[in-house]
Protein backbone atom coordinates (compact mmCIF):
# COMPACT_ATOMS: atom_id res chain seq x y z
CA MET A 1 53.44 -188.54 131.10
CA ALA A 2 50.67 -186.26 132.86
CA THR A 3 53.63 -183.57 132.02
CA LYS A 4 54.12 -184.95 128.32
CA PHE A 5 50.07 -184.61 127.97
CA LEU A 6 50.15 -181.22 129.37
CA LEU A 7 52.59 -180.00 127.25
CA LYS A 8 51.01 -181.72 123.89
CA CYS A 9 47.60 -179.98 125.04
CA LEU A 10 49.38 -176.44 125.12
CA ILE A 11 51.04 -177.10 122.16
CA PHE A 12 47.69 -178.24 120.44
CA PHE A 13 45.84 -175.04 121.57
CA ALA A 14 48.75 -172.20 121.14
CA VAL A 15 48.79 -173.83 117.04
CA ILE A 16 44.72 -173.18 117.59
CA ALA A 17 45.48 -170.08 118.83
CA ALA A 18 48.03 -168.92 116.38
CA PHE A 19 45.71 -170.42 113.33
CA ILE A 20 42.92 -167.87 114.61
CA PHE A 21 44.57 -164.84 115.49
CA VAL A 22 47.20 -165.20 112.50
CA LEU A 23 45.00 -166.37 109.67
CA VAL A 24 41.46 -166.42 110.52
CA MET A 25 40.80 -162.83 112.20
CA PRO A 26 42.51 -160.35 110.48
CA GLN A 27 39.94 -160.52 107.46
CA TYR A 28 39.18 -156.95 107.62
CA ASP A 29 42.41 -155.23 108.54
CA THR A 30 42.89 -153.36 104.74
CA GLU A 31 39.47 -152.29 104.78
CA TYR A 32 37.15 -148.96 105.57
CA MET A 33 36.28 -149.89 109.26
CA ALA A 34 40.27 -150.71 110.27
CA ALA A 35 40.94 -146.85 109.58
CA LEU A 36 39.07 -146.44 113.38
CA GLY A 37 42.66 -148.03 114.54
CA ASP A 38 44.74 -145.38 113.02
CA LYS A 39 42.93 -142.78 113.89
CA PHE A 40 43.62 -143.69 117.52
CA ALA A 41 47.07 -144.20 117.14
CA LEU A 42 46.85 -140.31 116.24
CA VAL A 43 44.89 -139.65 119.30
CA ARG A 44 47.56 -141.73 121.41
CA ALA A 45 50.81 -139.98 119.46
CA ASP A 46 49.68 -136.46 119.94
CA THR A 47 49.46 -134.90 123.27
CA GLN A 48 49.70 -131.18 122.74
CA PRO A 49 46.38 -129.54 122.32
CA LYS A 50 44.59 -130.20 119.31
CA ILE A 51 40.89 -130.66 117.67
CA LEU A 52 39.19 -134.10 117.87
CA LEU A 53 36.05 -134.32 115.45
CA VAL A 54 33.90 -137.13 116.64
CA GLY A 55 31.35 -138.49 114.56
CA GLY A 56 30.55 -140.70 111.49
CA SER A 57 31.01 -140.85 108.49
CA ASN A 58 29.96 -137.75 108.17
CA VAL A 59 32.55 -136.71 109.84
CA ALA A 60 35.08 -138.96 108.06
CA PHE A 61 33.26 -137.67 104.70
CA GLY A 62 32.80 -133.90 106.04
CA PHE A 63 35.93 -132.02 106.63
CA ASP A 64 39.41 -130.82 104.97
CA SER A 65 41.43 -131.20 108.58
CA ALA A 66 44.46 -129.23 106.83
CA LEU A 67 42.22 -126.55 105.92
CA LEU A 68 40.80 -126.26 109.83
CA GLU A 69 44.05 -126.60 110.61
CA GLU A 70 45.37 -123.98 108.95
CA LYS A 71 42.53 -121.43 109.73
CA THR A 72 42.54 -122.44 113.57
CA GLN A 73 46.44 -122.71 113.95
CA MET A 74 45.61 -126.30 115.89
CA ARG A 75 46.56 -130.01 114.85
CA VAL A 76 43.15 -131.52 114.08
CA VAL A 77 42.18 -135.22 114.15
CA ASN A 78 39.44 -136.34 112.36
CA PHE A 79 37.63 -139.29 114.90
CA GLY A 80 35.08 -140.30 112.41
CA VAL A 81 34.17 -143.54 110.82
CA HIS A 82 30.58 -145.24 110.70
CA ALA A 83 27.72 -144.04 112.73
CA ALA A 84 26.63 -147.49 113.01
CA LEU A 85 29.35 -147.62 115.94
CA GLY A 86 27.08 -144.99 117.93
CA GLN A 87 28.32 -141.33 119.14
CA PRO A 88 28.94 -142.89 122.84
CA PHE A 89 31.50 -145.66 121.14
CA HIS A 90 33.27 -143.12 119.47
CA ALA A 91 33.52 -140.90 122.54
CA ASP A 92 34.19 -143.48 125.30
CA ILE A 93 37.36 -144.64 123.11
CA ILE A 94 38.97 -141.14 123.26
CA LYS A 95 37.64 -140.05 126.39
CA ASN A 96 40.65 -141.46 128.32
CA GLN A 97 43.31 -139.87 125.80
CA LEU A 98 41.99 -136.20 126.33
CA ASN A 99 44.84 -133.52 127.35
CA PRO A 100 44.71 -130.20 128.60
CA GLY A 101 43.76 -127.76 125.72
CA ASP A 102 42.16 -130.50 123.13
CA ILE A 103 39.07 -129.05 121.82
CA VAL A 104 36.15 -132.04 121.13
CA ILE A 105 33.75 -131.18 118.40
CA LEU A 106 30.61 -133.33 118.39
CA ALA A 107 28.99 -133.64 114.95
CA PRO A 108 26.45 -136.38 115.45
CA GLU A 109 24.50 -138.13 112.58
CA TYR A 110 20.78 -137.26 112.67
CA TYR A 111 19.51 -140.58 114.36
CA ASP A 112 22.57 -140.87 116.40
CA TYR A 113 20.63 -137.89 118.31
CA THR A 114 18.24 -140.43 119.81
CA SER A 115 20.31 -143.84 119.39
CA ASP A 116 22.60 -145.10 121.61
CA ASP A 117 23.02 -148.40 119.71
CA CYS A 118 26.28 -150.03 119.18
CA ASP A 119 27.06 -152.20 116.35
CA TYR A 120 29.77 -154.53 118.06
CA VAL A 121 30.26 -156.77 114.80
CA LEU A 122 31.06 -153.92 112.87
CA ALA A 123 33.30 -152.31 115.80
CA TRP A 124 35.05 -155.63 115.71
CA LEU A 125 35.64 -155.19 112.02
CA SER A 126 37.23 -151.87 113.09
CA MET A 127 39.69 -153.41 115.86
CA GLU A 128 40.13 -157.55 115.34
CA ARG A 129 44.06 -157.76 116.33
CA ASP A 130 44.26 -154.08 117.69
CA ALA A 131 45.08 -154.28 121.02
CA PRO A 132 45.09 -151.00 122.42
CA LEU A 133 41.76 -149.83 120.53
CA PHE A 134 40.38 -153.11 121.67
CA LEU A 135 41.51 -151.98 125.59
CA ALA A 136 40.39 -148.19 125.25
CA ALA A 137 36.57 -149.87 123.95
CA ALA A 138 36.60 -152.11 126.72
CA LYS A 139 37.86 -149.51 129.47
CA GLY A 140 35.26 -147.07 128.03
CA GLY A 141 32.39 -149.47 129.14
CA HIS A 142 31.66 -151.71 125.88
CA LEU A 143 33.85 -155.38 126.90
CA GLY A 144 30.42 -156.97 127.46
CA GLY A 145 29.21 -155.62 123.82
CA LEU A 146 32.22 -156.60 122.24
CA LEU A 147 32.24 -160.24 123.61
CA SER A 148 28.43 -160.80 123.23
CA ALA A 149 29.31 -160.01 119.43
CA PHE A 150 32.62 -162.07 118.97
CA PRO A 151 31.13 -165.35 118.02
CA THR A 152 29.18 -163.21 115.13
CA TYR A 153 32.11 -161.57 114.15
CA PHE A 154 34.26 -164.93 113.91
CA GLN A 155 31.72 -166.58 111.87
CA ARG A 156 32.01 -163.74 109.09
CA ALA A 157 35.63 -163.67 109.46
CA ALA A 158 36.19 -167.88 108.90
CA GLY A 159 33.39 -167.42 106.26
CA ARG A 160 35.45 -164.84 104.57
CA PHE A 161 38.79 -166.82 105.40
CA VAL A 162 37.54 -169.43 103.44
CA ASP A 163 36.03 -167.65 100.21
CA ARG A 164 39.58 -166.14 100.10
CA LEU A 165 41.33 -169.47 100.23
CA ARG A 166 38.63 -169.94 97.39
CA GLY A 167 39.24 -167.06 95.63
CA VAL A 168 35.79 -165.27 96.01
CA ALA A 169 36.27 -162.97 98.52
CA GLU A 170 34.65 -159.68 97.73
CA PRO A 171 36.68 -157.08 98.84
CA ASP A 172 35.33 -153.57 100.66
CA GLU A 173 35.11 -150.64 98.03
CA ARG A 174 36.71 -148.48 100.20
CA THR A 175 40.61 -149.10 102.05
CA ARG A 176 42.39 -148.14 105.48
CA TYR A 177 44.72 -146.28 103.36
CA GLU A 178 42.13 -143.38 101.68
CA PHE A 179 42.49 -141.64 105.06
CA ASP A 180 44.96 -139.40 105.26
CA ALA A 181 47.19 -138.59 108.16
CA HIS A 182 44.50 -136.00 109.85
CA GLY A 183 42.17 -139.06 109.50
CA ASP A 184 40.02 -137.63 106.84
CA TYR A 185 38.85 -139.79 103.84
CA ALA A 186 40.69 -138.06 101.06
CA ALA A 187 39.33 -140.35 97.95
CA PRO A 188 39.02 -137.95 95.29
CA ARG A 189 35.20 -137.13 94.59
CA PRO A 190 34.85 -134.21 92.54
CA GLU A 191 30.69 -134.62 91.94
CA ARG A 192 28.03 -136.52 93.53
CA ILE A 193 27.47 -139.74 92.17
CA VAL A 194 23.45 -140.22 93.97
CA GLU A 195 19.97 -138.91 92.88
CA MET A 196 17.88 -136.91 94.77
CA GLY A 197 15.66 -139.62 96.14
CA GLU A 198 18.43 -141.63 97.30
CA SER A 199 19.85 -138.94 100.08
CA SER A 200 19.22 -138.84 103.67
CA SER A 201 16.05 -136.63 104.49
CA PHE A 202 16.45 -134.80 107.44
CA ASN A 203 15.23 -135.90 111.09
CA SER A 204 14.66 -133.67 114.11
CA PRO A 205 18.14 -133.39 116.04
CA LEU A 206 16.05 -134.00 119.54
CA LEU A 207 18.22 -135.73 122.03
CA SER A 208 16.90 -138.65 123.74
CA GLU A 209 17.15 -138.52 127.39
CA TYR A 210 19.97 -141.18 127.44
CA LEU A 211 22.33 -139.34 125.25
CA ARG A 212 21.40 -136.05 126.93
CA ASN A 213 22.97 -137.08 130.26
CA TYR A 214 25.70 -138.93 128.29
CA TRP A 215 26.86 -135.75 126.65
CA ASN A 216 26.90 -133.93 130.10
CA ASN A 217 28.54 -136.44 131.80
CA PHE A 218 31.21 -136.87 129.17
CA ASN A 219 31.89 -133.16 129.09
CA GLU A 220 32.27 -133.18 132.95
CA VAL A 221 34.69 -136.03 132.20
CA ALA A 222 36.65 -134.06 129.61
CA HIS A 223 36.45 -130.62 131.60
CA LYS A 224 38.17 -132.47 134.45
CA LYS A 225 41.06 -133.00 132.19
CA GLY A 226 40.92 -129.99 130.81
CA ALA A 227 39.52 -130.17 127.50
CA THR A 228 36.35 -128.51 126.19
CA VAL A 229 33.86 -129.98 124.51
CA TYR A 230 31.20 -128.07 122.12
CA MET A 231 28.44 -129.43 119.70
CA SER A 232 28.12 -129.36 116.12
CA CYS A 233 25.72 -130.95 113.38
CA PRO A 234 26.03 -132.96 110.43
CA PRO A 235 25.40 -131.25 107.26
CA ILE A 236 22.08 -131.00 106.06
CA VAL A 237 20.64 -131.66 102.29
CA ALA A 238 18.54 -127.96 101.24
CA GLU A 239 16.36 -130.17 99.25
CA ALA A 240 15.16 -132.68 101.97
CA LEU A 241 14.84 -130.03 104.90
CA SER A 242 10.91 -129.74 105.55
CA VAL A 243 11.03 -128.79 109.24
CA GLU A 244 11.78 -125.30 111.01
CA LEU A 245 15.35 -125.23 112.26
CA LYS A 246 15.01 -122.53 115.18
CA PRO A 247 12.73 -124.19 117.48
CA LEU A 248 14.96 -127.56 117.07
CA GLN A 249 18.19 -125.56 117.39
CA GLU A 250 17.06 -124.07 120.77
CA GLN A 251 15.84 -127.07 122.30
CA LEU A 252 19.07 -128.89 121.72
CA GLU A 253 21.03 -125.63 123.27
CA LYS A 254 18.65 -126.03 126.12
CA ASP A 255 19.58 -129.77 126.56
CA LEU A 256 23.47 -129.44 127.27
CA GLY A 257 25.24 -128.01 129.28
CA PHE A 258 28.27 -126.75 126.88
CA PRO A 259 28.17 -124.81 124.23
CA VAL A 260 26.13 -125.45 120.76
CA ILE A 261 28.88 -123.67 118.22
CA SER A 262 27.45 -124.57 115.21
CA GLN A 263 24.02 -123.23 114.12
CA LEU A 264 21.94 -126.15 112.36
CA ALA A 265 21.32 -123.71 109.54
CA ASP A 266 24.69 -122.63 109.01
CA TYR A 267 25.27 -126.28 107.31
CA VAL A 268 22.29 -126.23 104.98
CA TYR A 269 23.88 -127.07 101.75
CA PRO A 270 22.43 -127.68 98.25
CA PHE A 271 22.22 -131.42 97.16
CA ASP A 272 25.06 -130.71 94.56
CA PHE A 273 27.74 -130.24 97.92
CA PHE A 274 26.94 -133.80 98.34
CA TYR A 275 28.54 -137.05 97.17
CA ASP A 276 26.75 -140.95 97.97
CA THR A 277 24.44 -139.90 100.76
CA GLY A 278 23.00 -137.32 102.82
CA PHE A 279 25.84 -137.44 104.89
CA HIS A 280 28.94 -137.32 102.84
CA LEU A 281 30.21 -134.18 101.22
CA ASN A 282 32.14 -134.04 98.13
CA ASP A 283 35.15 -132.24 97.62
CA GLU A 284 33.92 -129.05 97.29
CA GLY A 285 31.26 -129.43 99.98
CA ARG A 286 34.08 -130.21 102.71
CA ILE A 287 35.73 -126.73 102.16
CA ILE A 288 32.52 -124.96 102.85
CA ARG A 289 31.94 -127.06 105.63
CA SER A 290 35.64 -126.82 106.97
CA LEU A 291 35.65 -123.08 106.58
CA GLN A 292 31.83 -122.50 108.53
CA LEU A 293 33.74 -124.14 111.52
CA ALA A 294 36.63 -122.47 111.34
CA GLU A 295 34.38 -119.58 111.83
CA ASP A 296 32.37 -120.86 114.70
CA LEU A 297 35.56 -121.61 116.37
CA SER A 298 36.72 -118.06 115.76
CA THR A 299 33.90 -116.96 118.16
CA ARG A 300 34.76 -118.75 120.95
């Protein structure tokens, strides 16, 4: 009797688990954030020396990796998705995947020079049922944050599941399928679509004490694995620039125990090279930035 009851309980919980993981949870697996799993798969699949571009959406929208690959003669993987995940989250995922000869280019958004916050609900949208990505994040020290955010994420996913049944769910305007084989967001964007007032103004990239220590520790981990770390920078809207860049550059170089490969002044672009925010470049802008980074790398 007890065995039959136990068997029924196991079947019941198996059905509930299947309902949750098969039907309710994968509500975002075709959308923009899910591209992080695809990018992680690119990193894991290639053990040859490569260039890893790490940052938020300024990286995702900011490079022509095929052009950069041509100029550097190295495989390039764009590991940028969304700044709200935080730079440490991106870096913690890939640090255990680094191989000898890899080059990591860090290009944080301005506010990520001081913030180590991670939107773990957004992180769930990037992994859902992606076990390798979840395990990499957990191994990187983010298990607690992910577990604490799971109820909020699941409530959101369940609500979307119900909305889909009702036919009222609104899909993300961007999908994971708009990223190319290098991890670049490759949907055509020939012209800017925002006005000057909607762009992101420049903020001083002065590192917080936490991030200063974090990046220097990350560099030590990478160095032990035979990889090289360089700091670059995000694109800067020329019309929104109202501070002197030279002292900021000097402070950044002083704070870090590894090379700041790029000069902030070289990444100041006219507003017409941007797309929908002051962090996202259009087609012309991402080519110019890729050529600039290739030039920075050529001096090393």
